[in-house]
Amino acid sequence: GASTTDAVTVQRIEVGAAKLASEVANVNAQNTIIVGGPCANTAAATILGNPVDCTAGFEPGSGRIELYENANGNVAMLVAGYAAVDTRNAAAVVANYKDYAGKLKGTKVKVTKGVGNVLTVA
């Protein structure tokens, strides 16, 4: 039997704009993707209003993907979790966004890892 294949072109995405939080003078001056929670990332702390308890709003075992629009119209996407592994899980969802497109709606989703290491977005 005959079979068909689709040609795929891999397009490299330059990441020259990747910076540490300490290298960004004003996190609100541009659109950003911020990886890491406010305990580890000062940019995350800034967009969350510098909470006294840097774990406030975070749950053990879950990550968050959230959008924040600031006063000048720029948007920050926060990809963070209670612990590093939770942040990694949320980042995996962003990296593989096409697999979760039906669940990535609104301005905030929760990411958890369940049975069989399956990531759930709600």
Protein backbone atom coordinates (compact mmCIF):
# COMPACT_ATOMS: atom_id res chain seq x y z
CA GLY A 1 0.00 0.00 0.00
CA ALA A 2 0.98 3.54 -0.67
CA SER A 3 1.58 5.97 2.16
CA THR A 4 1.92 9.72 2.28
CA THR A 5 4.18 11.89 4.35
CA ASP A 6 4.18 15.57 5.10
CA ALA A 7 7.30 17.69 4.79
CA VAL A 8 8.23 19.47 7.99
CA THR A 9 10.54 22.45 8.19
CA VAL A 10 12.12 23.13 11.56
CA GLN A 11 12.47 26.86 12.13
CA ARG A 12 15.04 27.83 14.74
CA ILE A 13 13.84 30.49 17.13
CA GLU A 14 16.55 32.85 18.26
CA VAL A 15 16.60 33.39 22.01
CA GLY A 16 18.98 36.31 22.09
CA ALA A 17 16.47 38.27 24.15
CA ALA A 18 16.60 35.78 27.04
CA LYS A 19 17.73 37.58 30.18
CA LEU A 20 18.01 37.02 33.88
CA ALA A 21 15.67 39.08 36.04
CA SER A 22 18.72 40.96 37.35
CA GLU A 23 19.48 42.10 33.77
CA VAL A 24 16.07 43.73 33.23
CA ALA A 25 15.75 47.29 34.49
CA ASN A 26 11.96 47.52 34.17
CA VAL A 27 9.97 44.30 33.73
CA ASN A 28 6.90 46.32 32.70
CA ALA A 29 8.68 48.13 29.84
CA GLN A 30 8.17 45.28 27.36
CA ASN A 31 6.20 42.10 26.81
CA THR A 32 7.82 39.33 28.83
CA ILE A 33 7.68 35.65 29.64
CA ILE A 34 8.77 35.26 33.24
CA VAL A 35 9.84 31.79 34.34
CA GLY A 36 10.04 31.10 38.06
CA GLY A 37 8.06 32.19 41.07
CA PRO A 38 8.52 35.28 43.23
CA CYS A 39 10.74 33.45 45.74
CA ALA A 40 13.38 32.86 43.04
CA ASN A 41 12.70 35.56 40.46
CA THR A 42 12.53 39.28 41.21
CA ALA A 43 10.66 39.95 37.95
CA ALA A 44 7.93 37.55 39.10
CA ALA A 45 7.83 39.26 42.48
CA THR A 46 7.42 42.62 40.75
CA ILE A 47 4.43 41.62 38.61
CA LEU A 48 2.83 39.93 41.62
CA GLY A 49 3.13 43.11 43.70
CA ASN A 50 6.12 42.00 45.80
CA PRO A 51 4.18 39.76 48.22
CA VAL A 52 5.54 39.54 51.78
CA ASP A 53 5.07 35.74 51.63
CA CYS A 54 6.56 34.75 48.28
CA THR A 55 4.65 31.45 48.33
CA ALA A 56 1.27 33.17 48.71
CA GLY A 57 -1.18 31.86 46.12
CA PHE A 58 1.03 28.92 45.15
CA GLU A 59 0.06 25.35 46.02
CA PRO A 60 2.52 22.49 46.55
CA GLY A 61 2.41 20.17 43.53
CA SER A 62 1.04 22.69 41.05
CA GLY A 63 2.27 25.27 38.60
CA ARG A 64 0.63 28.35 37.15
CA ILE A 65 0.56 30.02 33.77
CA GLU A 66 -0.88 33.52 34.08
CA LEU A 67 -1.13 36.65 31.98
CA TYR A 68 -0.79 40.12 33.48
CA GLU A 69 -1.39 43.34 31.57
CA ASN A 70 0.33 46.38 33.01
CA ALA A 71 -0.66 50.04 32.79
CA ASN A 72 1.25 50.73 29.56
CA GLY A 73 -0.41 47.83 27.72
CA ASN A 74 2.49 45.39 27.84
CA VAL A 75 1.78 41.82 28.89
CA ALA A 76 3.75 39.47 31.13
CA MET A 77 3.25 35.72 31.03
CA LEU A 78 4.16 34.15 34.36
CA VAL A 79 5.23 30.50 34.23
CA ALA A 80 5.81 29.44 37.82
CA GLY A 81 5.16 26.88 40.50
CA TYR A 82 5.41 26.27 44.21
CA ALA A 83 8.67 24.33 43.74
CA ALA A 84 11.15 24.08 40.86
CA VAL A 85 9.55 20.86 39.58
CA ASP A 86 6.16 22.61 39.46
CA THR A 87 7.69 25.45 37.43
CA ARG A 88 9.24 22.88 35.07
CA ASN A 89 5.84 21.25 34.57
CA ALA A 90 4.22 24.60 33.74
CA ALA A 91 7.11 25.40 31.37
CA ALA A 92 6.61 22.04 29.63
CA VAL A 93 3.00 23.01 28.93
CA VAL A 94 4.10 26.35 27.44
CA ALA A 95 6.82 24.63 25.38
CA ASN A 96 4.26 22.13 24.04
CA TYR A 97 1.36 24.60 23.88
CA LYS A 98 -0.18 22.95 20.80
CA ASP A 99 -0.85 19.81 22.87
CA TYR A 100 -2.82 21.90 25.39
CA ALA A 101 -4.40 24.49 23.07
CA GLY A 102 -7.95 23.53 24.08
CA LYS A 103 -7.14 24.13 27.75
CA LEU A 104 -5.05 27.30 27.48
CA LYS A 105 -7.88 29.81 27.77
CA GLY A 106 -8.39 32.94 29.81
CA THR A 107 -5.67 34.60 31.83
CA LYS A 108 -4.84 31.86 34.34
CA VAL A 109 -4.47 28.08 34.30
CA LYS A 110 -3.21 25.57 36.83
CA VAL A 111 -0.81 22.76 35.85
CA THR A 112 -0.55 19.53 37.83
CA LYS A 113 1.15 16.21 37.17
CA GLY A 114 -1.05 13.19 37.77
CA VAL A 115 -1.05 9.45 37.33
CA GLY A 116 1.44 8.24 34.73
CA ASN A 117 3.25 11.60 34.80
CA VAL A 118 0.49 13.14 32.67
CA LEU A 119 0.30 16.93 32.89
CA THR A 120 -3.19 18.30 33.46
CA VAL A 121 -4.16 21.88 32.64
CA ALA A 122 -7.25 23.32 34.31
